[in-house]
């Protein structure tokens, strides 16, 4: 009898944890959409949504390249099409992604790459930031993920990774 009581208490605690986890996810998604709408309504920014599916674009035809460093992902439009004659670079935090359902995705008004380039040409960086909020949507193995991005103020310097390989001095040379 006592064993059955312990098993039922364990099952009850597992169910409670699952319910709490589900409520946290629902609260996070709701606050993301409601909080974003409130913020956008106050600042009068237009929201832009762009779908980036790099895996289905041949490497020679890609206009956008991505790079990940620590907790940030960078999206570079490969043209000198900003008002300052630099390649526009957007970045997002890799830890803050939202998984989209099909119903929400169908309701979004998607931006085309030429229209996005036109907006980066037309406005200086600070003007762009004050007028638009850009979300980049990418397909992943878990579905479509959406990330809020930010336009970088300064051009991004290339990262150079290297390793110095020293000769092995422990081996004897044959004469």
C-alpha atoms as a PDB file:
ATOM      1  CA  UNK A   1       0.000   0.000   0.000  1.00  0.00           C
ATOM      2  CA  UNK A   2       2.809   2.346   0.896  1.00  0.00           C
ATOM      3  CA  UNK A   3       4.610   1.533  -2.383  1.00  0.00           C
ATOM      4  CA  UNK A   4       1.484   2.395  -4.378  1.00  0.00           C
ATOM      5  CA  UNK A   5       1.239   5.702  -2.529  1.00  0.00           C
ATOM      6  CA  UNK A   6       4.853   6.595  -3.442  1.00  0.00           C
ATOM      7  CA  UNK A   7       4.296   5.702  -7.101  1.00  0.00           C
ATOM      8  CA  UNK A   8       1.151   7.823  -7.265  1.00  0.00           C
ATOM      9  CA  UNK A   9       2.986  10.775  -5.675  1.00  0.00           C
ATOM     10  CA  UNK A  10       5.813  10.484  -8.223  1.00  0.00           C
ATOM     11  CA  UNK A  11       3.335  10.368 -11.104  1.00  0.00           C
ATOM     12  CA  UNK A  12       1.472  13.360  -9.691  1.00  0.00           C
ATOM     13  CA  UNK A  13       4.684  15.397  -9.444  1.00  0.00           C
ATOM     14  CA  UNK A  14       5.669  14.475 -13.023  1.00  0.00           C
ATOM     15  CA  UNK A  15       2.262  15.523 -14.343  1.00  0.00           C
ATOM     16  CA  UNK A  16       2.475  18.785 -12.377  1.00  0.00           C
ATOM     17  CA  UNK A  17       5.919  19.534 -13.853  1.00  0.00           C
ATOM     18  CA  UNK A  18       4.643  18.845 -17.382  1.00  0.00           C
ATOM     19  CA  UNK A  19       1.682  21.193 -16.858  1.00  0.00           C
ATOM     20  CA  UNK A  20       3.932  23.939 -15.487  1.00  0.00           C
ATOM     21  CA  UNK A  21       6.287  23.551 -18.473  1.00  0.00           C
ATOM     22  CA  UNK A  22       3.382  23.758 -20.934  1.00  0.00           C
ATOM     23  CA  UNK A  23       2.029  26.874 -19.206  1.00  0.00           C
ATOM     24  CA  UNK A  24       5.461  28.523 -19.382  1.00  0.00           C
ATOM     25  CA  UNK A  25       5.647  27.883 -23.134  1.00  0.00           C
ATOM     26  CA  UNK A  26       2.141  29.232 -23.711  1.00  0.00           C
ATOM     27  CA  UNK A  27       2.944  32.319 -21.619  1.00  0.00           C
ATOM     28  CA  UNK A  28       6.195  32.887 -23.517  1.00  0.00           C
ATOM     29  CA  UNK A  29       4.517  32.664 -26.929  1.00  0.00           C
ATOM     30  CA  UNK A  30       1.620  34.871 -25.850  1.00  0.00           C
ATOM     31  CA  UNK A  31       3.898  37.517 -24.346  1.00  0.00           C
ATOM     32  CA  UNK A  32       6.098  37.447 -27.452  1.00  0.00           C
ATOM     33  CA  UNK A  33       3.200  38.260 -29.760  1.00  0.00           C
ATOM     34  CA  UNK A  34       1.242  40.567 -27.454  1.00  0.00           C
ATOM     35  CA  UNK A  35       4.338  42.345 -26.167  1.00  0.00           C
ATOM     36  CA  UNK A  36       5.666  42.823 -29.695  1.00  0.00           C
ATOM     37  CA  UNK A  37       2.335  44.224 -30.883  1.00  0.00           C
ATOM     38  CA  UNK A  38       2.158  46.672 -27.986  1.00  0.00           C
ATOM     39  CA  UNK A  39       5.716  47.822 -28.587  1.00  0.00           C
ATOM     40  CA  UNK A  40       5.094  48.219 -32.311  1.00  0.00           C
ATOM     41  CA  UNK A  41       1.881  50.133 -31.706  1.00  0.00           C
ATOM     42  CA  UNK A  42       3.701  52.614 -29.488  1.00  0.00           C
ATOM     43  CA  UNK A  43       6.667  53.202 -31.790  1.00  0.00           C
ATOM     44  CA  UNK A  44       4.833  52.928 -35.138  1.00  0.00           C
ATOM     45  CA  UNK A  45       7.434  50.607 -36.647  1.00  0.00           C
ATOM     46  CA  UNK A  46       6.592  48.420 -39.609  1.00  0.00           C
ATOM     47  CA  UNK A  47       7.310  44.747 -39.101  1.00  0.00           C
ATOM     48  CA  UNK A  48       9.136  42.982 -41.919  1.00  0.00           C
ATOM     49  CA  UNK A  49       9.246  39.187 -42.233  1.00  0.00           C
ATOM     50  CA  UNK A  50      11.797  37.565 -44.526  1.00  0.00           C
ATOM     51  CA  UNK A  51      12.112  33.822 -45.173  1.00  0.00           C
ATOM     52  CA  UNK A  52      15.706  32.671 -45.569  1.00  0.00           C
ATOM     53  CA  UNK A  53      16.146  29.103 -46.821  1.00  0.00           C
ATOM     54  CA  UNK A  54      19.873  28.920 -47.555  1.00  0.00           C
ATOM     55  CA  UNK A  55      19.944  25.140 -48.046  1.00  0.00           C
ATOM     56  CA  UNK A  56      17.733  25.376 -51.146  1.00  0.00           C
ATOM     57  CA  UNK A  57      19.707  28.153 -52.875  1.00  0.00           C
ATOM     58  CA  UNK A  58      22.800  27.188 -54.916  1.00  0.00           C
ATOM     59  CA  UNK A  59      25.972  28.654 -53.371  1.00  0.00           C
ATOM     60  CA  UNK A  60      26.700  30.819 -56.430  1.00  0.00           C
ATOM     61  CA  UNK A  61      23.218  32.394 -56.310  1.00  0.00           C
ATOM     62  CA  UNK A  62      23.159  33.322 -52.627  1.00  0.00           C
ATOM     63  CA  UNK A  63      22.714  37.012 -51.883  1.00  0.00           C
ATOM     64  CA  UNK A  64      22.734  36.471 -48.117  1.00  0.00           C
ATOM     65  CA  UNK A  65      25.365  34.640 -46.121  1.00  0.00           C
ATOM     66  CA  UNK A  66      25.104  33.624 -42.482  1.00  0.00           C
ATOM     67  CA  UNK A  67      27.686  33.273 -39.771  1.00  0.00           C
ATOM     68  CA  UNK A  68      27.408  32.250 -36.126  1.00  0.00           C
ATOM     69  CA  UNK A  69      29.683  33.549 -33.375  1.00  0.00           C
ATOM     70  CA  UNK A  70      28.987  32.608 -29.775  1.00  0.00           C
ATOM     71  CA  UNK A  71      25.317  33.477 -29.166  1.00  0.00           C
ATOM     72  CA  UNK A  72      24.784  35.678 -32.232  1.00  0.00           C
ATOM     73  CA  UNK A  73      23.906  34.863 -35.807  1.00  0.00           C
ATOM     74  CA  UNK A  74      24.830  37.333 -38.529  1.00  0.00           C
ATOM     75  CA  UNK A  75      22.994  37.764 -41.833  1.00  0.00           C
ATOM     76  CA  UNK A  76      25.010  39.671 -44.444  1.00  0.00           C
ATOM     77  CA  UNK A  77      23.390  40.906 -47.668  1.00  0.00           C
ATOM     78  CA  UNK A  78      26.202  40.490 -50.183  1.00  0.00           C
ATOM     79  CA  UNK A  79      25.939  43.801 -51.970  1.00  0.00           C
ATOM     80  CA  UNK A  80      27.193  47.262 -51.162  1.00  0.00           C
ATOM     81  CA  UNK A  81      23.637  48.480 -51.015  1.00  0.00           C
ATOM     82  CA  UNK A  82      23.374  50.383 -47.769  1.00  0.00           C
ATOM     83  CA  UNK A  83      23.198  54.141 -47.698  1.00  0.00           C
ATOM     84  CA  UNK A  84      26.773  54.158 -46.321  1.00  0.00           C
ATOM     85  CA  UNK A  85      27.959  51.907 -49.195  1.00  0.00           C
ATOM     86  CA  UNK A  86      28.587  48.882 -46.971  1.00  0.00           C
ATOM     87  CA  UNK A  87      27.118  45.393 -46.949  1.00  0.00           C
ATOM     88  CA  UNK A  88      24.085  45.507 -44.645  1.00  0.00           C
ATOM     89  CA  UNK A  89      24.520  43.129 -41.720  1.00  0.00           C
ATOM     90  CA  UNK A  90      21.677  42.066 -39.451  1.00  0.00           C
ATOM     91  CA  UNK A  91      22.225  40.046 -36.306  1.00  0.00           C
ATOM     92  CA  UNK A  92      20.091  38.114 -33.863  1.00  0.00           C
ATOM     93  CA  UNK A  93      20.651  36.274 -30.635  1.00  0.00           C
ATOM     94  CA  UNK A  94      20.646  32.530 -31.266  1.00  0.00           C
ATOM     95  CA  UNK A  95      19.089  31.871 -27.857  1.00  0.00           C
ATOM     96  CA  UNK A  96      15.939  33.862 -28.662  1.00  0.00           C
ATOM     97  CA  UNK A  97      14.098  32.011 -31.409  1.00  0.00           C
ATOM     98  CA  UNK A  98      10.413  31.299 -31.698  1.00  0.00           C
ATOM     99  CA  UNK A  99       9.039  28.181 -33.392  1.00  0.00           C
ATOM    100  CA  UNK A 100       6.218  29.118 -35.769  1.00  0.00           C
ATOM    101  CA  UNK A 101       3.147  27.056 -36.430  1.00  0.00           C
ATOM    102  CA  UNK A 102       1.732  26.788 -39.949  1.00  0.00           C
ATOM    103  CA  UNK A 103      -1.322  28.886 -39.088  1.00  0.00           C
ATOM    104  CA  UNK A 104       0.722  31.835 -37.861  1.00  0.00           C
ATOM    105  CA  UNK A 105       3.147  31.587 -40.780  1.00  0.00           C
ATOM    106  CA  UNK A 106       0.318  31.782 -43.332  1.00  0.00           C
ATOM    107  CA  UNK A 107      -0.904  35.054 -41.793  1.00  0.00           C
ATOM    108  CA  UNK A 108       2.452  36.836 -42.131  1.00  0.00           C
ATOM    109  CA  UNK A 109       3.083  39.261 -44.979  1.00  0.00           C
ATOM    110  CA  UNK A 110       6.501  38.203 -46.252  1.00  0.00           C
ATOM    111  CA  UNK A 111       9.096  40.621 -47.606  1.00  0.00           C
ATOM    112  CA  UNK A 112      11.061  39.938 -50.797  1.00  0.00           C
ATOM    113  CA  UNK A 113      14.840  40.302 -50.947  1.00  0.00           C
ATOM    114  CA  UNK A 114      14.715  43.149 -53.538  1.00  0.00           C
ATOM    115  CA  UNK A 115      12.267  45.061 -51.305  1.00  0.00           C
ATOM    116  CA  UNK A 116      14.497  44.501 -48.259  1.00  0.00           C
ATOM    117  CA  UNK A 117      17.548  45.714 -50.200  1.00  0.00           C
ATOM    118  CA  UNK A 118      15.574  48.757 -51.367  1.00  0.00           C
ATOM    119  CA  UNK A 119      14.738  49.658 -47.760  1.00  0.00           C
ATOM    120  CA  UNK A 120      18.389  49.367 -46.674  1.00  0.00           C
ATOM    121  CA  UNK A 121      19.410  51.581 -49.623  1.00  0.00           C
ATOM    122  CA  UNK A 122      16.745  54.191 -48.959  1.00  0.00           C
ATOM    123  CA  UNK A 123      17.365  54.764 -45.245  1.00  0.00           C
ATOM    124  CA  UNK A 124      20.437  55.341 -43.123  1.00  0.00           C
ATOM    125  CA  UNK A 125      21.009  52.776 -40.380  1.00  0.00           C
ATOM    126  CA  UNK A 126      19.361  54.756 -37.571  1.00  0.00           C
ATOM    127  CA  UNK A 127      16.409  55.657 -39.821  1.00  0.00           C
ATOM    128  CA  UNK A 128      15.968  51.989 -40.739  1.00  0.00           C
ATOM    129  CA  UNK A 129      16.044  51.019 -37.058  1.00  0.00           C
ATOM    130  CA  UNK A 130      13.416  53.619 -36.207  1.00  0.00           C
ATOM    131  CA  UNK A 131      11.095  52.606 -39.085  1.00  0.00           C
ATOM    132  CA  UNK A 132      11.356  48.803 -39.218  1.00  0.00           C
ATOM    133  CA  UNK A 133      11.636  45.659 -37.155  1.00  0.00           C
ATOM    134  CA  UNK A 134      12.937  42.704 -39.188  1.00  0.00           C
ATOM    135  CA  UNK A 135      12.210  39.082 -38.321  1.00  0.00           C
ATOM    136  CA  UNK A 136      14.070  36.398 -40.250  1.00  0.00           C
ATOM    137  CA  UNK A 137      12.313  33.069 -40.589  1.00  0.00           C
ATOM    138  CA  UNK A 138      14.409  29.971 -41.258  1.00  0.00           C
ATOM    139  CA  UNK A 139      13.475  26.318 -41.723  1.00  0.00           C
ATOM    140  CA  UNK A 140      15.199  24.020 -39.257  1.00  0.00           C
ATOM    141  CA  UNK A 141      14.903  20.364 -38.335  1.00  0.00           C
ATOM    142  CA  UNK A 142      12.260  21.299 -35.726  1.00  0.00           C
ATOM    143  CA  UNK A 143      10.173  23.503 -38.040  1.00  0.00           C
ATOM    144  CA  UNK A 144      10.178  27.184 -38.921  1.00  0.00           C
ATOM    145  CA  UNK A 145      12.003  29.420 -36.449  1.00  0.00           C
ATOM    146  CA  UNK A 146      11.672  33.193 -36.277  1.00  0.00           C
ATOM    147  CA  UNK A 147      14.351  35.545 -34.931  1.00  0.00           C
ATOM    148  CA  UNK A 148      14.149  39.262 -34.307  1.00  0.00           C
ATOM    149  CA  UNK A 149      17.128  40.883 -35.994  1.00  0.00           C
ATOM    150  CA  UNK A 150      18.937  44.161 -35.570  1.00  0.00           C
ATOM    151  CA  UNK A 151      20.782  46.136 -38.242  1.00  0.00           C
ATOM    152  CA  UNK A 152      24.411  46.659 -37.264  1.00  0.00           C
ATOM    153  CA  UNK A 153      25.599  50.251 -37.069  1.00  0.00           C
ATOM    154  CA  UNK A 154      29.165  49.612 -38.196  1.00  0.00           C
ATOM    155  CA  UNK A 155      30.378  47.277 -40.923  1.00  0.00           C
ATOM    156  CA  UNK A 156      31.371  43.922 -39.525  1.00  0.00           C
ATOM    157  CA  UNK A 157      35.048  43.127 -39.593  1.00  0.00           C
ATOM    158  CA  UNK A 158      35.893  39.672 -40.945  1.00  0.00           C
ATOM    159  CA  UNK A 159      36.815  37.082 -38.346  1.00  0.00           C
ATOM    160  CA  UNK A 160      40.031  35.245 -39.052  1.00  0.00           C
ATOM    161  CA  UNK A 161      40.473  31.862 -37.411  1.00  0.00           C
ATOM    162  CA  UNK A 162      43.880  30.279 -37.530  1.00  0.00           C
ATOM    163  CA  UNK A 163      46.044  27.772 -35.765  1.00  0.00           C
ATOM    164  CA  UNK A 164      49.824  27.693 -35.641  1.00  0.00           C
ATOM    165  CA  UNK A 165      51.163  24.219 -36.368  1.00  0.00           C
ATOM    166  CA  UNK A 166      54.712  23.794 -35.179  1.00  0.00           C
ATOM    167  CA  UNK A 167      56.993  21.116 -36.609  1.00  0.00           C
ATOM    168  CA  UNK A 168      57.304  17.926 -34.602  1.00  0.00           C
ATOM    169  CA  UNK A 169      60.820  18.012 -33.144  1.00  0.00           C
ATOM    170  CA  UNK A 170      60.534  14.630 -31.419  1.00  0.00           C
ATOM    171  CA  UNK A 171      61.036  12.669 -34.653  1.00  0.00           C
ATOM    172  CA  UNK A 172      64.571  12.000 -35.801  1.00  0.00           C
ATOM    173  CA  UNK A 173      65.510  12.956 -39.316  1.00  0.00           C
ATOM    174  CA  UNK A 174      66.847  10.232 -41.584  1.00  0.00           C
ATOM    175  CA  UNK A 175      70.004  11.056 -43.495  1.00  0.00           C
END
